[in-house]
Amino acid sequence: MKHILTRRTIRKYQKEDIPEALLNRLLAEASRTQTMGNLQLYSVVVTRDAEMKRRLSPAHFNQPMVVEAPVVLTICADFRRTTLWCKHRQADPGYDNFLSFMNAASDALLYTQTFCNLAEEEGLGCCYLGTTVYMPQLIIDTLQLPRLVIPVATITVGWPAEKPPLTDRLGIEAFVHQETYHDYSAEAIDQYYAAKEALPENQEFVRINHKETLAQVFTDCRYTRRDNEAMSEGLIKVLQEQGFFAPLPDLPKGEEVISE
């Protein structure tokens, strides 16, 4: 059976460290993933130090695996390196804009997924932390990320100390569209989500959160409008301050984006 069909998110790890040679090999192999213009618009910050993991933990809502995993990887959308290369080669870079952030973020996420696949093939366990874009400024400050560098993904990595059950997935009929996008009728929604909603663990989520439907658990408890809007404001501010939007109003228009 293909490994991808049995992959699990691992949040508990053995005390055993990851050899530096193995980690570096995986980081190098992952760089063979797709990248826009062969520019590799990403950087990876490797965190092994216990104190640094402790400082990063609040940005991820103090989830235990951040401090317990032997290695924490912060993958960043990085147009700074390319911009500096251009400036040092008498080329005029135009990458301090939102499109460039999107390109760099895509590169970084492609790299992240490729690394996870390679690491899991070696027997390592990974946990993808979506919290990275919730409070990016704390990560930026902790890791001393300069302008045109923004964290977009965090991976905890280690040798698994658990084997959790496989989580459910929607069938391909729910997300694959032939030729053009076909919008979802109420009947289709009922059909595609029936199995997920019928799972005992999901019915338990509904019960303990005192909701009527599983969807309400997501909208009212897990990913609320209020939280999404507040964190969106924070992310937009970070994009501005890191140089991927127009200069902030209190900055002169001619001010240099990159400071040496």
Protein backbone atom coordinates (compact mmCIF):
# COMPACT_ATOMS: atom_id res chain seq x y z
CA MET A 1 0.00 0.00 0.00
CA LYS A 2 1.23 3.48 -0.83
CA HIS A 3 2.51 5.31 2.24
CA ILE A 4 0.33 8.36 1.52
CA LEU A 5 -2.78 6.24 2.05
CA THR A 6 -1.77 5.49 5.64
CA ARG A 7 -0.13 8.78 6.63
CA ARG A 8 -1.02 10.21 10.01
CA THR A 9 -0.39 13.49 11.74
CA ILE A 10 2.04 12.78 14.58
CA ARG A 11 1.94 15.00 17.66
CA LYS A 12 3.85 12.81 20.13
CA TYR A 13 7.51 11.98 19.61
CA GLN A 14 10.20 9.76 21.03
CA LYS A 15 13.09 11.39 22.89
CA GLU A 16 15.50 10.27 20.17
CA ASP A 17 16.99 13.14 18.18
CA ILE A 18 17.05 13.39 14.39
CA PRO A 19 20.62 13.06 13.04
CA GLU A 20 21.74 16.28 11.41
CA ALA A 21 22.92 14.41 8.31
CA LEU A 22 19.47 12.87 7.82
CA LEU A 23 17.67 16.17 8.33
CA ASN A 24 19.99 18.01 5.96
CA ARG A 25 19.56 15.31 3.32
CA LEU A 26 15.78 15.61 3.52
CA LEU A 27 15.94 19.40 3.39
CA ALA A 28 18.14 19.17 0.30
CA GLU A 29 16.00 16.55 -1.42
CA ALA A 30 12.86 18.61 -0.84
CA SER A 31 14.42 21.44 -2.85
CA ARG A 32 13.79 19.37 -5.98
CA THR A 33 10.11 20.28 -5.68
CA GLN A 34 8.42 22.66 -8.11
CA THR A 35 9.35 26.34 -7.85
CA MET A 36 8.42 29.48 -9.76
CA GLY A 37 11.10 30.48 -12.25
CA ASN A 38 13.57 28.18 -10.46
CA LEU A 39 13.98 30.93 -7.87
CA GLN A 40 13.25 28.82 -4.76
CA LEU A 41 11.33 31.57 -3.01
CA TYR A 42 11.53 30.05 0.46
CA SER A 43 13.77 29.78 3.49
CA VAL A 44 13.68 27.26 6.34
CA VAL A 45 14.58 28.07 9.94
CA VAL A 46 15.57 24.95 11.89
CA THR A 47 14.87 25.11 15.62
CA ARG A 48 16.41 22.51 17.94
CA ASP A 49 17.24 24.65 20.98
CA ALA A 50 14.79 24.12 23.84
CA GLU A 51 14.65 27.80 24.76
CA MET A 52 13.92 28.84 21.19
CA LYS A 53 11.13 26.26 20.99
CA ARG A 54 9.72 27.65 24.23
CA ARG A 55 9.74 31.16 22.76
CA LEU A 56 7.98 29.97 19.59
CA SER A 57 5.33 28.03 21.49
CA PRO A 58 2.94 30.94 22.26
CA ALA A 59 2.65 31.70 18.54
CA HIS A 60 1.20 28.20 18.16
CA PHE A 61 -1.21 28.45 21.10
CA ASN A 62 1.26 26.52 23.28
CA GLN A 63 0.56 23.21 21.59
CA PRO A 64 2.76 20.63 23.38
CA MET A 65 4.46 19.25 20.26
CA VAL A 66 6.22 22.58 19.64
CA VAL A 67 8.42 22.12 22.72
CA GLU A 68 8.41 18.31 22.73
CA ALA A 69 9.44 17.65 19.12
CA PRO A 70 13.19 17.31 18.57
CA VAL A 71 13.00 19.62 15.55
CA VAL A 72 10.71 22.48 14.60
CA LEU A 73 10.90 23.82 11.04
CA THR A 74 9.53 27.25 10.14
CA ILE A 75 9.15 27.56 6.39
CA CYS A 76 9.06 31.12 5.12
CA ALA A 77 7.96 32.83 1.94
CA ASP A 78 11.23 34.59 1.07
CA PHE A 79 11.69 37.16 -1.68
CA ARG A 80 14.48 38.93 0.20
CA ARG A 81 17.27 36.65 -1.00
CA THR A 82 16.19 37.01 -4.64
CA THR A 83 15.75 40.76 -4.25
CA LEU A 84 19.24 41.18 -2.79
CA TRP A 85 20.68 39.00 -5.57
CA CYS A 86 19.06 41.27 -8.15
CA LYS A 87 20.29 44.44 -6.42
CA HIS A 88 23.83 43.09 -6.21
CA ARG A 89 23.75 42.18 -9.93
CA GLN A 90 22.64 45.58 -11.23
CA ALA A 91 19.05 44.35 -11.76
CA ASP A 92 15.99 46.29 -10.59
CA PRO A 93 13.77 44.00 -8.46
CA GLY A 94 10.03 44.59 -8.36
CA TYR A 95 9.04 42.03 -5.75
CA ASP A 96 7.73 44.19 -2.89
CA ASN A 97 4.09 43.49 -3.73
CA PHE A 98 1.26 41.08 -2.97
CA LEU A 99 1.67 39.00 -6.13
CA SER A 100 5.27 38.28 -5.16
CA PHE A 101 4.15 37.20 -1.70
CA MET A 102 1.65 34.79 -3.27
CA ASN A 103 4.36 33.34 -5.50
CA ALA A 104 6.76 32.95 -2.58
CA ALA A 105 4.05 31.46 -0.35
CA SER A 106 3.19 28.93 -3.06
CA ASP A 107 6.86 27.97 -3.36
CA ALA A 108 7.16 27.63 0.41
CA LEU A 109 4.08 25.44 0.74
CA LEU A 110 5.15 23.19 -2.13
CA TYR A 111 8.50 22.77 -0.38
CA THR A 112 6.75 22.05 2.92
CA GLN A 113 4.59 19.28 1.49
CA THR A 114 7.49 17.69 -0.35
CA PHE A 115 9.59 17.69 2.82
CA CYS A 116 6.78 16.05 4.79
CA ASN A 117 6.38 13.32 2.19
CA LEU A 118 10.12 12.59 2.21
CA ALA A 119 10.38 12.68 6.00
CA GLU A 120 7.46 10.31 6.46
CA GLU A 121 8.99 7.87 3.95
CA GLU A 122 12.02 7.75 6.29
CA GLY A 123 9.78 6.81 9.20
CA LEU A 124 9.65 10.26 10.76
CA GLY A 125 6.39 11.79 11.94
CA CYS A 126 5.27 15.34 11.14
CA CYS A 127 2.62 17.76 12.30
CA TYR A 128 1.69 20.72 10.11
CA LEU A 129 0.81 23.75 12.26
CA GLY A 130 -1.72 26.00 10.57
CA THR A 131 -1.26 28.46 13.43
CA THR A 132 1.79 29.97 11.71
CA VAL A 133 -0.25 32.63 9.92
CA TYR A 134 -2.39 33.41 12.98
CA MET A 135 0.28 35.31 14.92
CA PRO A 136 3.12 35.75 12.43
CA GLN A 137 4.61 38.83 14.11
CA LEU A 138 5.66 36.81 17.16
CA ILE A 139 7.43 34.33 14.89
CA ILE A 140 9.03 37.15 12.90
CA ASP A 141 10.37 38.73 16.08
CA THR A 142 11.58 35.45 17.58
CA LEU A 143 13.35 34.25 14.44
CA GLN A 144 14.53 37.74 13.47
CA LEU A 145 13.00 37.59 10.01
CA PRO A 146 13.85 40.62 7.85
CA ARG A 147 11.69 42.39 5.30
CA LEU A 148 10.30 40.33 2.42
CA VAL A 149 10.36 37.22 4.62
CA ILE A 150 7.13 35.92 6.16
CA PRO A 151 6.49 32.58 7.92
CA VAL A 152 3.79 30.55 6.21
CA ALA A 153 4.16 27.03 7.64
CA THR A 154 5.58 25.27 10.68
CA ILE A 155 6.36 21.56 10.89
CA THR A 156 7.19 19.62 14.05
CA VAL A 157 9.31 16.57 13.23
CA GLY A 158 10.41 13.54 15.19
CA TRP A 159 10.28 9.77 15.53
CA PRO A 160 6.65 8.81 16.24
CA ALA A 161 5.61 7.84 19.75
CA GLU A 162 1.99 7.22 18.77
CA LYS A 163 -0.11 5.69 15.99
CA PRO A 164 -3.35 7.66 15.90
CA PRO A 165 -6.28 6.48 13.78
CA LEU A 166 -6.57 7.67 10.21
CA THR A 167 -8.71 10.76 9.84
CA ASP A 168 -11.58 10.88 7.37
CA ARG A 169 -11.40 12.51 3.94
CA LEU A 170 -14.05 13.59 1.45
CA GLY A 171 -14.33 11.44 -1.66
CA ILE A 172 -13.03 12.80 -4.95
CA GLU A 173 -16.56 13.41 -6.19
CA ALA A 174 -16.74 16.20 -3.61
CA PHE A 175 -13.77 18.18 -4.90
CA VAL A 176 -12.94 17.07 -8.46
CA HIS A 177 -14.71 19.03 -11.21
CA GLN A 178 -14.59 17.89 -14.83
CA GLU A 179 -13.90 20.62 -17.40
CA THR A 180 -15.64 23.42 -15.46
CA TYR A 181 -16.58 24.09 -11.85
CA HIS A 182 -19.95 22.66 -10.93
CA ASP A 183 -21.54 24.40 -7.96
CA TYR A 184 -22.99 22.38 -5.10
CA SER A 185 -26.69 21.80 -4.63
CA ALA A 186 -28.14 21.12 -1.20
CA GLU A 187 -28.56 17.50 -2.24
CA ALA A 188 -24.91 17.25 -3.22
CA ILE A 189 -23.78 18.75 0.10
CA ASP A 190 -25.91 16.20 1.94
CA GLN A 191 -24.41 13.39 -0.09
CA TYR A 192 -20.75 14.46 0.19
CA TYR A 193 -20.80 15.22 3.93
CA ALA A 194 -23.03 12.37 5.10
CA ALA A 195 -20.20 9.99 5.99
CA LYS A 196 -18.20 12.68 7.83
CA GLU A 197 -21.22 13.80 9.83
CA ALA A 198 -22.11 10.21 10.74
CA LEU A 199 -18.73 9.42 12.31
CA PRO A 200 -19.11 8.79 16.07
CA GLU A 201 -16.20 11.09 16.91
CA ASN A 202 -17.76 13.94 14.93
CA GLN A 203 -21.15 13.38 16.50
CA GLU A 204 -19.38 13.58 19.86
CA PHE A 205 -17.84 16.94 18.85
CA VAL A 206 -21.36 18.21 18.19
CA ARG A 207 -22.61 16.93 21.55
CA ILE A 208 -19.82 18.27 23.75
CA ASN A 209 -19.95 21.68 22.06
CA HIS A 210 -23.74 21.83 22.50
CA LYS A 211 -24.36 22.41 18.80
CA GLU A 212 -26.93 21.09 16.35
CA THR A 213 -24.58 20.32 13.44
CA LEU A 214 -20.92 19.60 12.82
CA ALA A 215 -20.68 22.72 10.65
CA GLN A 216 -21.66 24.82 13.67
CA VAL A 217 -18.70 23.42 15.60
CA PHE A 218 -16.43 24.97 12.96
CA THR A 219 -18.26 28.29 12.56
CA ASP A 220 -19.08 28.91 16.23
CA CYS A 221 -16.17 27.26 18.07
CA ARG A 222 -13.12 26.41 16.01
CA TYR A 223 -12.80 29.00 13.22
CA THR A 224 -15.10 31.86 14.08
CA ARG A 225 -15.78 34.94 11.98
CA ARG A 226 -14.50 37.16 14.79
CA ASP A 227 -11.19 35.31 15.05
CA ASN A 228 -10.77 35.07 11.27
CA GLU A 229 -11.31 38.80 10.81
CA ALA A 230 -9.00 39.75 13.68
CA MET A 231 -6.19 37.49 12.47
CA SER A 232 -6.71 38.67 8.89
CA GLU A 233 -6.07 42.23 10.07
CA GLY A 234 -2.89 41.08 11.78
CA LEU A 235 -1.70 39.24 8.69
CA ILE A 236 -2.34 42.23 6.44
CA LYS A 237 -0.38 44.44 8.85
CA VAL A 238 2.52 41.98 8.77
CA LEU A 239 2.44 41.90 4.97
CA GLN A 240 2.70 45.69 4.96
CA GLU A 241 5.48 45.85 7.53
CA GLN A 242 7.47 43.07 5.85
CA GLY A 243 7.31 44.95 2.56
CA PHE A 244 4.79 42.98 0.47
CA PHE A 245 2.17 45.73 0.33
CA ALA A 246 2.51 49.41 -0.53
CA PRO A 247 4.56 51.38 2.03
CA LEU A 248 2.72 52.26 5.20
CA PRO A 249 1.16 55.76 5.18
CA ASP A 250 3.76 57.21 7.55
CA LEU A 251 6.67 56.11 5.34
CA PRO A 252 7.97 58.25 2.47
CA LYS A 253 7.08 56.78 -0.91
CA GLY A 254 10.69 56.70 -2.00
CA GLU A 255 11.97 54.84 1.07
CA GLU A 256 14.01 51.77 0.25
CA VAL A 257 12.25 48.47 0.95
CA ILE A 258 15.46 46.61 1.73
CA SER A 259 17.73 48.06 4.36
CA GLU A 260 21.24 46.65 4.59
